[in-house]
Amino acid sequence: MVDTIRVRVAEAADAAAVARLQQAMDRELGAAEEAGFIDRFAEVWLADLDRRPTWLAERDGQPIGVLVLVVVDNLPRPGQPLRRWAHVSLVFVDKAARNAGIGRLLLDEVLAWAAANNVNRVQLNANRNSARLYQRTGFDSAPARLMELRL
């Protein structure tokens, strides 16, 4: 039997599935369990869904991967077109489904969406394990440009 992989835009009805994938990633990273997390995540994700487009990868209808963007519309500037940029805030593929090109399928869908929706820059924070995937997709590896202040 051949697995059918499909990548699609997540809808409001997918809130729990997106939350479960986030929870699975957090478990892998050693995060503590939290009672009610699925509901709390879903509530926040749904409240901000218009600026957090999300894609699900499914195998035979079951969610196995997710990618969440945060889209920022820059304020207008004189004589300049409106500009948008996006930050990839979550990429996760279930452990059993990794190394089968699913992360690349998610990225390809997202980058096509970004180009069609006037997004002029996509950024992300890559960990060691995923940096090569992002580089193969066209992201550069100039970390000195991304600065951060943790409060």
C-alpha atoms as a PDB file:
ATOM      1  CA  MET A   1       0.000   0.000   0.000  1.00  0.00           C
ATOM      2  CA  VAL A   2       1.345   3.452  -0.951  1.00  0.00           C
ATOM      3  CA  ASP A   3       1.019   6.243   1.576  1.00  0.00           C
ATOM      4  CA  THR A   4      -0.745   9.330   0.328  1.00  0.00           C
ATOM      5  CA  ILE A   5       0.864  12.554   1.579  1.00  0.00           C
ATOM      6  CA  ARG A   6      -1.105  15.748   1.199  1.00  0.00           C
ATOM      7  CA  VAL A   7      -0.189  19.267   2.324  1.00  0.00           C
ATOM      8  CA  ARG A   8      -3.041  21.690   2.832  1.00  0.00           C
ATOM      9  CA  VAL A   9      -3.855  24.961   4.556  1.00  0.00           C
ATOM     10  CA  ALA A  10      -5.158  24.355   8.063  1.00  0.00           C
ATOM     11  CA  GLU A  11      -8.620  25.608   8.947  1.00  0.00           C
ATOM     12  CA  ALA A  12     -10.292  26.482  12.241  1.00  0.00           C
ATOM     13  CA  ALA A  13     -11.519  22.890  12.567  1.00  0.00           C
ATOM     14  CA  ASP A  14      -7.857  21.768  12.643  1.00  0.00           C
ATOM     15  CA  ALA A  15      -6.999  23.648  15.850  1.00  0.00           C
ATOM     16  CA  ALA A  16      -6.708  20.521  17.993  1.00  0.00           C
ATOM     17  CA  ALA A  17      -4.584  18.738  15.366  1.00  0.00           C
ATOM     18  CA  VAL A  18      -2.179  21.684  15.166  1.00  0.00           C
ATOM     19  CA  ALA A  19      -2.037  21.793  18.975  1.00  0.00           C
ATOM     20  CA  ARG A  20      -1.298  18.059  19.193  1.00  0.00           C
ATOM     21  CA  LEU A  21       1.606  18.416  16.754  1.00  0.00           C
ATOM     22  CA  GLN A  22       2.990  21.334  18.795  1.00  0.00           C
ATOM     23  CA  GLN A  23       2.621  19.198  21.918  1.00  0.00           C
ATOM     24  CA  ALA A  24       4.452  16.288  20.252  1.00  0.00           C
ATOM     25  CA  MET A  25       7.355  18.573  19.367  1.00  0.00           C
ATOM     26  CA  ASP A  26       7.463  19.958  22.906  1.00  0.00           C
ATOM     27  CA  ARG A  27       7.524  16.406  24.309  1.00  0.00           C
ATOM     28  CA  GLU A  28      10.520  15.588  22.097  1.00  0.00           C
ATOM     29  CA  LEU A  29      12.254  18.688  23.426  1.00  0.00           C
ATOM     30  CA  GLY A  30      11.627  17.569  26.996  1.00  0.00           C
ATOM     31  CA  ALA A  31       8.947  20.090  27.932  1.00  0.00           C
ATOM     32  CA  ALA A  32       6.753  19.335  30.918  1.00  0.00           C
ATOM     33  CA  GLU A  33       3.191  18.171  30.324  1.00  0.00           C
ATOM     34  CA  GLU A  34       0.465  20.735  30.905  1.00  0.00           C
ATOM     35  CA  ALA A  35      -3.129  19.851  31.652  1.00  0.00           C
ATOM     36  CA  GLY A  36      -5.430  21.666  29.240  1.00  0.00           C
ATOM     37  CA  PHE A  37      -2.642  22.571  26.827  1.00  0.00           C
ATOM     38  CA  ILE A  38      -4.528  21.492  23.706  1.00  0.00           C
ATOM     39  CA  ASP A  39      -7.445  23.786  24.534  1.00  0.00           C
ATOM     40  CA  ARG A  40      -5.198  26.704  25.527  1.00  0.00           C
ATOM     41  CA  PHE A  41      -3.113  26.402  22.358  1.00  0.00           C
ATOM     42  CA  ALA A  42      -6.190  26.078  20.149  1.00  0.00           C
ATOM     43  CA  GLU A  43      -7.788  29.177  21.671  1.00  0.00           C
ATOM     44  CA  VAL A  44      -4.726  31.341  21.055  1.00  0.00           C
ATOM     45  CA  TRP A  45      -4.103  29.921  17.566  1.00  0.00           C
ATOM     46  CA  LEU A  46      -7.730  30.482  16.530  1.00  0.00           C
ATOM     47  CA  ALA A  47      -7.790  34.037  17.881  1.00  0.00           C
ATOM     48  CA  ASP A  48      -4.863  34.960  15.637  1.00  0.00           C
ATOM     49  CA  LEU A  49      -5.455  32.663  12.671  1.00  0.00           C
ATOM     50  CA  ASP A  50      -5.730  35.510  10.147  1.00  0.00           C
ATOM     51  CA  ARG A  51      -2.048  36.382  10.619  1.00  0.00           C
ATOM     52  CA  ARG A  52      -0.853  32.845  11.396  1.00  0.00           C
ATOM     53  CA  PRO A  53      -1.433  30.868   8.209  1.00  0.00           C
ATOM     54  CA  THR A  54      -0.747  27.227   8.918  1.00  0.00           C
ATOM     55  CA  TRP A  55      -0.190  24.148   6.776  1.00  0.00           C
ATOM     56  CA  LEU A  56      -0.747  20.537   7.715  1.00  0.00           C
ATOM     57  CA  ALA A  57       0.903  17.526   6.125  1.00  0.00           C
ATOM     58  CA  GLU A  58      -1.317  14.476   6.265  1.00  0.00           C
ATOM     59  CA  ARG A  59      -0.659  10.834   5.549  1.00  0.00           C
ATOM     60  CA  ASP A  60      -3.844   9.062   4.580  1.00  0.00           C
ATOM     61  CA  GLY A  61      -5.833  11.834   6.293  1.00  0.00           C
ATOM     62  CA  GLN A  62      -3.840  11.800   9.563  1.00  0.00           C
ATOM     63  CA  PRO A  63      -1.825  14.935  10.519  1.00  0.00           C
ATOM     64  CA  ILE A  64       1.896  14.145  10.601  1.00  0.00           C
ATOM     65  CA  GLY A  65       3.458  17.568  10.056  1.00  0.00           C
ATOM     66  CA  VAL A  66       2.784  21.243  10.539  1.00  0.00           C
ATOM     67  CA  LEU A  67       4.237  24.600   9.567  1.00  0.00           C
ATOM     68  CA  VAL A  68       3.013  27.865  11.102  1.00  0.00           C
ATOM     69  CA  LEU A  69       3.889  31.322   9.805  1.00  0.00           C
ATOM     70  CA  VAL A  70       3.488  34.666  11.499  1.00  0.00           C
ATOM     71  CA  VAL A  71       2.809  37.324   8.859  1.00  0.00           C
ATOM     72  CA  VAL A  72       3.725  40.943   9.549  1.00  0.00           C
ATOM     73  CA  ASP A  73       2.508  43.830   7.418  1.00  0.00           C
ATOM     74  CA  ASN A  74       4.961  46.716   7.587  1.00  0.00           C
ATOM     75  CA  LEU A  75       3.492  50.151   8.099  1.00  0.00           C
ATOM     76  CA  PRO A  76       3.277  52.250   4.904  1.00  0.00           C
ATOM     77  CA  ARG A  77       6.189  54.444   3.868  1.00  0.00           C
ATOM     78  CA  PRO A  78       6.006  57.399   1.481  1.00  0.00           C
ATOM     79  CA  GLY A  79       6.390  56.303  -2.098  1.00  0.00           C
ATOM     80  CA  GLN A  80       6.888  52.654  -1.157  1.00  0.00           C
ATOM     81  CA  PRO A  81       4.574  49.719  -1.805  1.00  0.00           C
ATOM     82  CA  LEU A  82       3.192  47.919   1.210  1.00  0.00           C
ATOM     83  CA  ARG A  83       5.580  45.205   2.301  1.00  0.00           C
ATOM     84  CA  ARG A  84       5.001  42.019   4.197  1.00  0.00           C
ATOM     85  CA  TRP A  85       7.353  39.553   5.776  1.00  0.00           C
ATOM     86  CA  ALA A  86       6.844  36.281   7.564  1.00  0.00           C
ATOM     87  CA  HIS A  87       8.485  34.333  10.344  1.00  0.00           C
ATOM     88  CA  VAL A  88       8.304  30.552  10.406  1.00  0.00           C
ATOM     89  CA  SER A  89       7.332  29.975  14.031  1.00  0.00           C
ATOM     90  CA  LEU A  90       6.795  26.214  13.953  1.00  0.00           C
ATOM     91  CA  VAL A  91       7.907  23.360  11.729  1.00  0.00           C
ATOM     92  CA  PHE A  92       7.402  19.838  12.972  1.00  0.00           C
ATOM     93  CA  VAL A  93       7.151  16.422  11.342  1.00  0.00           C
ATOM     94  CA  ASP A  94       6.254  13.387  13.419  1.00  0.00           C
ATOM     95  CA  LYS A  95       9.327  11.288  14.178  1.00  0.00           C
ATOM     96  CA  ALA A  96       7.976   8.247  12.330  1.00  0.00           C
ATOM     97  CA  ALA A  97       7.476  10.333   9.164  1.00  0.00           C
ATOM     98  CA  ARG A  98      10.824  12.133   9.025  1.00  0.00           C
ATOM     99  CA  ASN A  99      13.381  11.939   6.225  1.00  0.00           C
ATOM    100  CA  ALA A 100      10.687  11.331   3.636  1.00  0.00           C
ATOM    101  CA  GLY A 101      10.581  14.867   2.190  1.00  0.00           C
ATOM    102  CA  ILE A 102       7.586  16.047   4.218  1.00  0.00           C
ATOM    103  CA  GLY A 103       9.397  19.061   5.668  1.00  0.00           C
ATOM    104  CA  ARG A 104      10.350  20.060   2.132  1.00  0.00           C
ATOM    105  CA  LEU A 105       6.745  19.639   0.933  1.00  0.00           C
ATOM    106  CA  LEU A 106       5.558  21.940   3.726  1.00  0.00           C
ATOM    107  CA  LEU A 107       8.228  24.536   2.937  1.00  0.00           C
ATOM    108  CA  ASP A 108       7.503  24.448  -0.788  1.00  0.00           C
ATOM    109  CA  GLU A 109       3.790  25.095  -0.165  1.00  0.00           C
ATOM    110  CA  VAL A 110       4.537  27.922   2.238  1.00  0.00           C
ATOM    111  CA  LEU A 111       7.050  29.603  -0.048  1.00  0.00           C
ATOM    112  CA  ALA A 112       4.620  29.412  -2.984  1.00  0.00           C
ATOM    113  CA  TRP A 113       1.930  30.964  -0.775  1.00  0.00           C
ATOM    114  CA  ALA A 114       4.347  33.689   0.370  1.00  0.00           C
ATOM    115  CA  ALA A 115       5.269  34.608  -3.203  1.00  0.00           C
ATOM    116  CA  ALA A 116       1.593  34.764  -4.198  1.00  0.00           C
ATOM    117  CA  ASN A 117       0.724  36.904  -1.167  1.00  0.00           C
ATOM    118  CA  ASN A 118       3.309  39.676  -1.543  1.00  0.00           C
ATOM    119  CA  VAL A 119       5.592  38.421   1.214  1.00  0.00           C
ATOM    120  CA  ASN A 120       9.043  39.770   0.402  1.00  0.00           C
ATOM    121  CA  ARG A 121      11.019  37.980   3.130  1.00  0.00           C
ATOM    122  CA  VAL A 122      10.644  34.757   5.111  1.00  0.00           C
ATOM    123  CA  GLN A 123      12.804  34.209   8.161  1.00  0.00           C
ATOM    124  CA  LEU A 124      13.248  31.431  10.681  1.00  0.00           C
ATOM    125  CA  ASN A 125      15.490  30.232  13.462  1.00  0.00           C
ATOM    126  CA  ALA A 126      17.022  26.934  12.389  1.00  0.00           C
ATOM    127  CA  ASN A 127      18.346  24.358  14.793  1.00  0.00           C
ATOM    128  CA  ARG A 128      21.337  22.172  13.891  1.00  0.00           C
ATOM    129  CA  ASN A 129      19.158  19.285  12.764  1.00  0.00           C
ATOM    130  CA  SER A 130      17.083  21.298  10.311  1.00  0.00           C
ATOM    131  CA  ALA A 131      19.552  23.873   8.961  1.00  0.00           C
ATOM    132  CA  ARG A 132      20.489  21.788   5.911  1.00  0.00           C
ATOM    133  CA  LEU A 133      16.847  21.437   4.870  1.00  0.00           C
ATOM    134  CA  TYR A 134      16.401  25.197   4.982  1.00  0.00           C
ATOM    135  CA  GLN A 135      19.633  25.823   3.105  1.00  0.00           C
ATOM    136  CA  ARG A 136      18.591  23.363   0.368  1.00  0.00           C
ATOM    137  CA  THR A 137      15.306  25.273   0.117  1.00  0.00           C
ATOM    138  CA  GLY A 138      17.166  28.552  -0.493  1.00  0.00           C
ATOM    139  CA  PHE A 139      17.494  30.103   2.962  1.00  0.00           C
ATOM    140  CA  ASP A 140      20.901  31.601   3.632  1.00  0.00           C
ATOM    141  CA  SER A 141      22.851  30.880   6.774  1.00  0.00           C
ATOM    142  CA  ALA A 142      23.855  34.374   7.833  1.00  0.00           C
ATOM    143  CA  PRO A 143      22.841  34.258  11.489  1.00  0.00           C
ATOM    144  CA  ALA A 144      24.483  37.587  12.287  1.00  0.00           C
ATOM    145  CA  ARG A 145      21.560  39.401  10.620  1.00  0.00           C
ATOM    146  CA  LEU A 146      18.942  38.044  13.010  1.00  0.00           C
ATOM    147  CA  MET A 147      19.275  39.770  16.365  1.00  0.00           C
ATOM    148  CA  GLU A 148      17.229  39.233  19.465  1.00  0.00           C
ATOM    149  CA  LEU A 149      16.784  40.589  22.960  1.00  0.00           C
ATOM    150  CA  ARG A 150      15.168  38.236  25.450  1.00  0.00           C
ATOM    151  CA  LEU A 151      13.233  39.970  28.169  1.00  0.00           C
END
